[in-house]
Amino acid sequence: MSTLTVTNIKATGETASRSATSVAAAWLQHNASHSIQDSINFSSITDGGTGLTNDATFTSSMNNNDYSVSGIVGNTTNDDGFWALTAIATTDFNARIRTHNGNLNDGAICSLTVHGDLA
């Protein structure tokens, strides 16, 4: 594999370039049974029980534990949900999915994006 080192990037057809550091370090989409449907820089996730995602493990570690995780959850038995981080480390993190009324619930479509510096 080759490594391309750049300061800024611009996709074909875009008029503006952006900092290469603003590109997501990792993302994933999984279903209610915690089966990863697609991802970049995630090696595995563990189903910790209803609404619990344990050990969302990175393929390449983050530089520190000051990275940002954002996500969205859909179709949690007809009730949209949100993510709440419960533990964060350079190699992985744990999160919970809660409905708008605070109940733990597994989402049918769960998406996460991580921004920060890779180690």
Protein backbone atom coordinates (compact mmCIF):
# COMPACT_ATOMS: atom_id res chain seq x y z
CA MET A 1 0.00 0.00 0.00
CA SER A 2 1.21 3.51 -0.81
CA THR A 3 0.91 6.57 1.40
CA LEU A 4 0.01 9.94 -0.06
CA THR A 5 0.86 12.86 2.23
CA VAL A 6 -1.12 16.08 1.64
CA THR A 7 -2.19 19.21 3.48
CA ASN A 8 -5.44 19.86 1.59
CA ILE A 9 -7.73 17.72 -0.55
CA LYS A 10 -10.29 18.47 -3.23
CA ALA A 11 -12.53 15.94 -4.94
CA THR A 12 -12.97 15.98 -8.69
CA GLY A 13 -15.68 18.48 -9.54
CA GLU A 14 -15.46 20.40 -6.24
CA THR A 15 -14.55 24.08 -6.34
CA ALA A 16 -13.16 24.34 -2.80
CA SER A 17 -10.44 22.35 -1.10
CA ARG A 18 -10.46 21.43 2.58
CA SER A 19 -7.96 20.42 5.18
CA ALA A 20 -7.06 16.75 5.08
CA THR A 21 -7.47 16.69 8.88
CA SER A 22 -11.21 17.40 8.55
CA VAL A 23 -11.87 14.08 6.84
CA ALA A 24 -13.55 11.46 9.05
CA ALA A 25 -11.06 9.16 10.79
CA ALA A 26 -13.64 6.36 10.95
CA TRP A 27 -17.30 5.62 10.26
CA LEU A 28 -19.59 2.64 10.50
CA GLN A 29 -23.14 1.54 9.93
CA HIS A 30 -24.56 -1.47 11.79
CA ASN A 31 -27.94 -3.08 12.29
CA ALA A 32 -29.90 -4.05 15.43
CA SER A 33 -27.92 -7.29 15.83
CA HIS A 34 -24.65 -5.29 15.77
CA SER A 35 -23.61 -6.71 12.43
CA ILE A 36 -21.40 -4.13 10.67
CA GLN A 37 -22.95 -3.37 7.28
CA ASP A 38 -20.12 -1.14 6.10
CA SER A 39 -17.29 0.77 7.73
CA ILE A 40 -13.92 2.44 7.48
CA ASN A 41 -11.35 2.03 10.28
CA PHE A 42 -13.51 -0.22 12.49
CA SER A 43 -12.39 -3.80 13.03
CA SER A 44 -15.30 -4.95 15.22
CA ILE A 45 -18.12 -4.03 17.57
CA THR A 46 -19.60 -6.05 20.43
CA ASP A 47 -23.28 -6.31 21.32
CA GLY A 48 -23.40 -5.60 25.06
CA GLY A 49 -27.15 -6.15 25.37
CA THR A 50 -30.22 -4.09 24.46
CA GLY A 51 -29.07 -0.64 23.38
CA LEU A 52 -25.42 -1.24 24.32
CA THR A 53 -22.54 -1.11 21.87
CA ASN A 54 -19.39 -2.24 23.63
CA ASP A 55 -15.88 -2.14 22.23
CA ALA A 56 -16.41 -0.33 18.94
CA THR A 57 -12.79 -1.09 18.05
CA PHE A 58 -10.70 0.91 15.57
CA THR A 59 -8.44 -0.77 13.03
CA SER A 60 -5.97 2.13 13.43
CA SER A 61 -5.95 3.80 16.87
CA MET A 62 -6.75 7.44 17.47
CA ASN A 63 -3.93 9.77 18.59
CA ASN A 64 -5.69 10.57 21.89
CA ASN A 65 -9.12 10.22 23.47
CA ASP A 66 -10.18 13.76 22.57
CA TYR A 67 -11.85 12.75 19.29
CA SER A 68 -15.47 13.45 18.39
CA VAL A 69 -18.10 10.76 17.85
CA SER A 70 -21.44 11.63 16.31
CA GLY A 71 -24.21 9.36 15.18
CA ILE A 72 -27.80 8.81 14.28
CA VAL A 73 -30.14 5.91 14.93
CA GLY A 74 -33.26 5.02 13.01
CA ASN A 75 -36.23 2.69 13.34
CA THR A 76 -35.86 1.69 16.97
CA THR A 77 -39.32 0.06 17.05
CA ASN A 78 -40.92 3.18 15.58
CA ASP A 79 -38.99 5.46 17.93
CA ASP A 80 -35.88 7.31 16.76
CA GLY A 81 -32.88 7.13 19.03
CA PHE A 82 -29.64 8.85 19.92
CA TRP A 83 -26.15 7.79 20.92
CA ALA A 84 -24.56 8.45 24.32
CA LEU A 85 -20.87 7.66 24.88
CA THR A 86 -20.11 5.73 28.07
CA ALA A 87 -16.36 5.12 27.68
CA ILE A 88 -13.74 6.43 25.28
CA ALA A 89 -10.14 5.32 24.63
CA THR A 90 -7.64 5.58 21.77
CA THR A 91 -8.41 2.03 20.61
CA ASP A 92 -12.19 1.85 21.09
CA PHE A 93 -15.29 3.30 22.72
CA ASN A 94 -18.56 2.14 24.26
CA ALA A 95 -21.94 3.73 23.59
CA ARG A 96 -25.62 3.38 24.41
CA ILE A 97 -28.62 3.90 22.16
CA ARG A 98 -31.56 5.53 23.89
CA THR A 99 -34.99 6.49 22.62
CA HIS A 100 -36.26 10.05 23.07
CA ASN A 101 -37.88 8.97 26.37
CA GLY A 102 -34.59 7.54 27.69
CA ASN A 103 -35.16 3.80 27.25
CA LEU A 104 -32.30 1.61 25.97
CA ASN A 105 -33.17 0.24 22.54
CA ASP A 106 -31.47 -1.41 19.55
CA GLY A 107 -31.71 0.56 16.34
CA ALA A 108 -32.27 -1.04 12.95
CA ILE A 109 -29.97 1.48 11.25
CA CYS A 110 -27.14 2.83 13.41
CA SER A 111 -24.52 5.15 11.93
CA LEU A 112 -21.44 6.66 13.59
CA THR A 113 -18.75 9.03 12.38
CA VAL A 114 -15.49 9.76 14.21
CA HIS A 115 -13.39 12.89 13.70
CA GLY A 116 -9.94 13.33 15.19
CA ASP A 117 -6.29 12.56 14.58
CA LEU A 118 -5.10 9.01 13.96
CA ALA A 119 -2.05 7.82 15.89
